[in-house]
Amino acid sequence: MKGKSKIVDSEGLDRIITRMSHEILEHNKGSKNLVLIGMRTRGEFLAKRIWNKIKEIENVELPIGVLDVTLYRDDFRKRLKQPEVSVSNITFDINDKNVILVDDVLYTGRTVRSALNALMDFGRPASIQLCILVDRGHRELPIRAEYVGKNIPTSQNEEIKVKMTEVDNEDAIFLIDINNE
């Protein structure tokens, strides 16, 4: 398809997730006191894959949860259509834990800001570390990720589309030219 190019295939995605899992463990000197929280939708599945890698590496099962930030977004009231709201699923205490917040694409930083606000409703973590599959630039807020799978600088006419088998029946990262889509 014109205007769409595959940047990462399924094997590449698996390598990225393996590397990020090792970086998380190295930075935190192991898995003690860690919890994983994935942001709906693809961040949730990415967190589960990182959870599986850490389980393979350390032979531990970290607490894992899902965060929906829909109601925390600053553009919530500006949208014309009714937003689809899901439920956050964090069934463990995050107080004094090192939270690894996982999402697929970091762009302006506004979704991450919403996630930070939402997390504070669940408790006061010792730290929140951001783990992002793709950083595409164009930040509007002073937010950066500690763990980045791939930096893919984009223009305003491009976007990143992450596909995961859990929802898309394919594992890949695409760069899409929205003018030629």
Protein backbone atom coordinates (compact mmCIF):
# COMPACT_ATOMS: atom_id res chain seq x y z
CA MET A 1 0.00 0.00 0.00
CA LYS A 2 1.38 3.41 -0.97
CA GLY A 3 2.15 5.61 2.01
CA LYS A 4 2.67 2.71 4.42
CA SER A 5 5.99 1.06 5.22
CA LYS A 6 6.76 -1.68 7.70
CA ILE A 7 9.51 -0.54 10.07
CA VAL A 8 9.54 -3.57 12.40
CA ASP A 9 8.30 -7.12 11.79
CA SER A 10 7.26 -9.73 14.36
CA GLU A 11 10.80 -10.99 14.99
CA GLY A 12 12.05 -7.44 15.43
CA LEU A 13 9.23 -6.68 17.84
CA ASP A 14 10.14 -9.71 19.93
CA ARG A 15 13.79 -8.61 20.05
CA ILE A 16 12.77 -5.11 21.15
CA ILE A 17 10.57 -6.49 23.95
CA THR A 18 13.37 -8.80 25.11
CA ARG A 19 15.85 -5.90 25.21
CA MET A 20 13.46 -3.59 27.07
CA SER A 21 12.73 -6.33 29.63
CA HIS A 22 16.46 -6.73 30.30
CA GLU A 23 16.88 -2.93 30.56
CA ILE A 24 14.07 -2.72 33.12
CA LEU A 25 15.66 -5.44 35.24
CA GLU A 26 19.14 -3.95 34.91
CA HIS A 27 18.01 -0.44 35.81
CA ASN A 28 16.07 -1.69 38.85
CA LYS A 29 18.72 -4.22 39.93
CA GLY A 30 16.26 -7.07 39.47
CA SER A 31 12.53 -7.45 39.83
CA LYS A 32 12.10 -6.68 43.53
CA ASN A 33 9.43 -4.04 44.20
CA LEU A 34 8.43 -3.79 40.51
CA VAL A 35 4.89 -3.71 39.15
CA LEU A 36 3.82 -3.45 35.51
CA ILE A 37 0.88 -1.35 34.36
CA GLY A 38 -0.10 -1.30 30.69
CA MET A 39 -2.14 1.50 29.18
CA ARG A 40 -5.16 0.40 27.17
CA THR A 41 -5.12 -0.95 24.53
CA ARG A 42 -1.80 -1.96 23.03
CA GLY A 43 0.17 -0.94 26.10
CA GLU A 44 -1.80 -3.56 27.98
CA PHE A 45 -0.62 -6.32 25.64
CA LEU A 46 2.91 -4.96 25.50
CA ALA A 47 3.04 -5.04 29.32
CA LYS A 48 1.87 -8.66 29.30
CA ARG A 49 4.67 -9.58 26.88
CA ILE A 50 7.24 -7.81 29.06
CA TRP A 51 5.75 -9.62 32.06
CA ASN A 52 6.31 -12.94 30.25
CA LYS A 53 9.93 -12.05 29.38
CA ILE A 54 10.70 -11.03 32.96
CA LYS A 55 9.11 -14.26 34.16
CA GLU A 56 11.45 -16.21 31.81
CA ILE A 57 14.52 -14.23 32.92
CA GLU A 58 13.93 -13.93 36.69
CA ASN A 59 11.45 -16.76 37.29
CA VAL A 60 9.07 -14.36 39.10
CA GLU A 61 5.53 -13.24 38.40
CA LEU A 62 5.25 -9.49 38.86
CA PRO A 63 1.94 -7.83 39.68
CA ILE A 64 0.45 -6.59 36.40
CA GLY A 65 -2.43 -4.22 35.81
CA VAL A 66 -4.25 -2.24 33.14
CA LEU A 67 -4.89 1.49 33.17
CA ASP A 68 -7.60 3.25 31.15
CA VAL A 69 -6.98 7.01 30.97
CA THR A 70 -10.00 8.00 28.86
CA LEU A 71 -11.69 10.05 31.59
CA TYR A 72 -8.39 11.73 32.54
CA ARG A 73 -7.56 13.07 29.08
CA ASP A 74 -7.50 16.85 28.67
CA ASP A 75 -9.36 16.54 25.36
CA PHE A 76 -12.16 14.42 26.87
CA ARG A 77 -14.76 17.19 26.79
CA LYS A 78 -13.69 18.47 23.36
CA ARG A 79 -14.55 15.24 21.58
CA LEU A 80 -17.92 15.21 19.82
CA LYS A 81 -18.63 11.51 19.97
CA GLN A 82 -19.09 9.56 23.20
CA PRO A 83 -15.72 8.08 24.21
CA GLU A 84 -15.40 4.36 24.76
CA VAL A 85 -14.50 3.97 28.40
CA SER A 86 -13.03 0.75 29.70
CA VAL A 87 -12.19 -0.16 33.23
CA SER A 88 -8.77 0.07 34.81
CA ASN A 89 -7.72 -3.17 36.44
CA ILE A 90 -5.15 -2.62 39.17
CA THR A 91 -5.87 -5.09 41.95
CA PHE A 92 -2.65 -4.61 43.92
CA ASP A 93 -1.16 -1.89 46.08
CA ILE A 94 1.12 0.51 44.16
CA ASN A 95 2.20 2.45 47.26
CA ASP A 96 6.01 2.53 47.51
CA LYS A 97 6.34 0.33 44.39
CA ASN A 98 8.39 1.04 41.29
CA VAL A 99 5.71 1.23 38.62
CA ILE A 100 6.67 0.46 35.05
CA LEU A 101 4.05 2.28 32.96
CA VAL A 102 3.86 0.72 29.49
CA ASP A 103 2.42 2.14 26.27
CA ASP A 104 2.94 1.61 22.56
CA VAL A 105 3.62 5.09 21.11
CA LEU A 106 4.84 8.28 22.77
CA TYR A 107 3.85 11.38 20.82
CA THR A 108 2.81 14.66 22.49
CA GLY A 109 3.00 13.31 26.04
CA ARG A 110 -0.60 14.19 26.86
CA THR A 111 -1.74 10.58 27.24
CA VAL A 112 1.15 9.90 29.62
CA ARG A 113 0.23 12.99 31.65
CA SER A 114 -3.31 11.62 31.91
CA ALA A 115 -1.91 8.26 33.02
CA LEU A 116 0.15 9.90 35.75
CA ASN A 117 -2.97 11.62 37.07
CA ALA A 118 -4.91 8.35 36.97
CA LEU A 119 -2.15 6.43 38.77
CA MET A 120 -2.18 8.90 41.65
CA ASP A 121 -5.78 7.86 42.33
CA PHE A 122 -4.46 4.35 43.04
CA GLY A 123 -1.72 5.37 45.46
CA ARG A 124 1.74 6.89 45.79
CA PRO A 125 4.41 4.84 44.03
CA ALA A 126 8.10 5.10 44.92
CA SER A 127 8.72 5.81 41.22
CA ILE A 128 6.98 5.70 37.86
CA GLN A 129 9.18 4.65 34.96
CA LEU A 130 7.85 5.02 31.43
CA CYS A 131 8.37 2.17 28.96
CA ILE A 132 7.45 2.99 25.36
CA LEU A 133 7.65 0.79 22.28
CA VAL A 134 8.01 3.73 19.83
CA ASP A 135 8.99 7.34 20.53
CA ARG A 136 7.98 9.41 17.50
CA GLY A 137 8.88 12.85 18.87
CA HIS A 138 6.76 16.03 18.79
CA ARG A 139 6.44 16.39 22.57
CA GLU A 140 4.15 19.12 23.89
CA LEU A 141 4.90 18.34 27.54
CA PRO A 142 8.23 17.69 29.30
CA ILE A 143 7.86 13.91 29.36
CA ARG A 144 10.44 11.32 28.38
CA ALA A 145 10.60 7.55 28.57
CA GLU A 146 13.25 5.61 30.52
CA TYR A 147 12.84 2.63 28.19
CA VAL A 148 12.34 3.11 24.46
CA GLY A 149 12.05 0.24 22.04
CA LYS A 150 12.64 2.31 18.93
CA ASN A 151 12.97 6.00 18.13
CA ILE A 152 11.19 6.78 14.86
CA PRO A 153 11.25 10.52 14.17
CA THR A 154 8.15 11.49 12.21
CA SER A 155 6.83 14.54 10.41
CA GLN A 156 3.39 15.97 11.17
CA ASN A 157 2.17 14.18 8.01
CA GLU A 158 3.19 10.79 9.33
CA GLU A 159 1.98 8.54 12.09
CA ILE A 160 3.04 5.30 13.69
CA LYS A 161 0.71 2.31 13.72
CA VAL A 162 1.60 -0.53 16.09
CA LYS A 163 -0.10 -3.83 15.35
CA MET A 164 -0.21 -6.65 17.88
CA THR A 165 -1.62 -10.12 17.32
CA GLU A 166 -3.87 -9.82 20.36
CA VAL A 167 -5.99 -7.17 18.62
CA ASP A 168 -4.72 -6.93 15.03
CA ASN A 169 -3.77 -10.53 14.14
CA GLU A 170 -0.27 -9.28 13.25
CA ASP A 171 2.87 -8.06 15.01
CA ALA A 172 4.44 -5.08 13.26
CA ILE A 173 5.22 -1.38 13.43
CA PHE A 174 4.27 0.73 10.42
CA LEU A 175 5.14 4.29 9.40
CA ILE A 176 2.14 5.76 7.58
CA ASP A 177 2.14 8.88 5.41
CA ILE A 178 -1.34 10.22 6.15
CA ASN A 179 -1.35 12.33 2.97
CA ASN A 180 -0.97 9.21 0.80
CA GLU A 181 -2.91 6.72 2.92
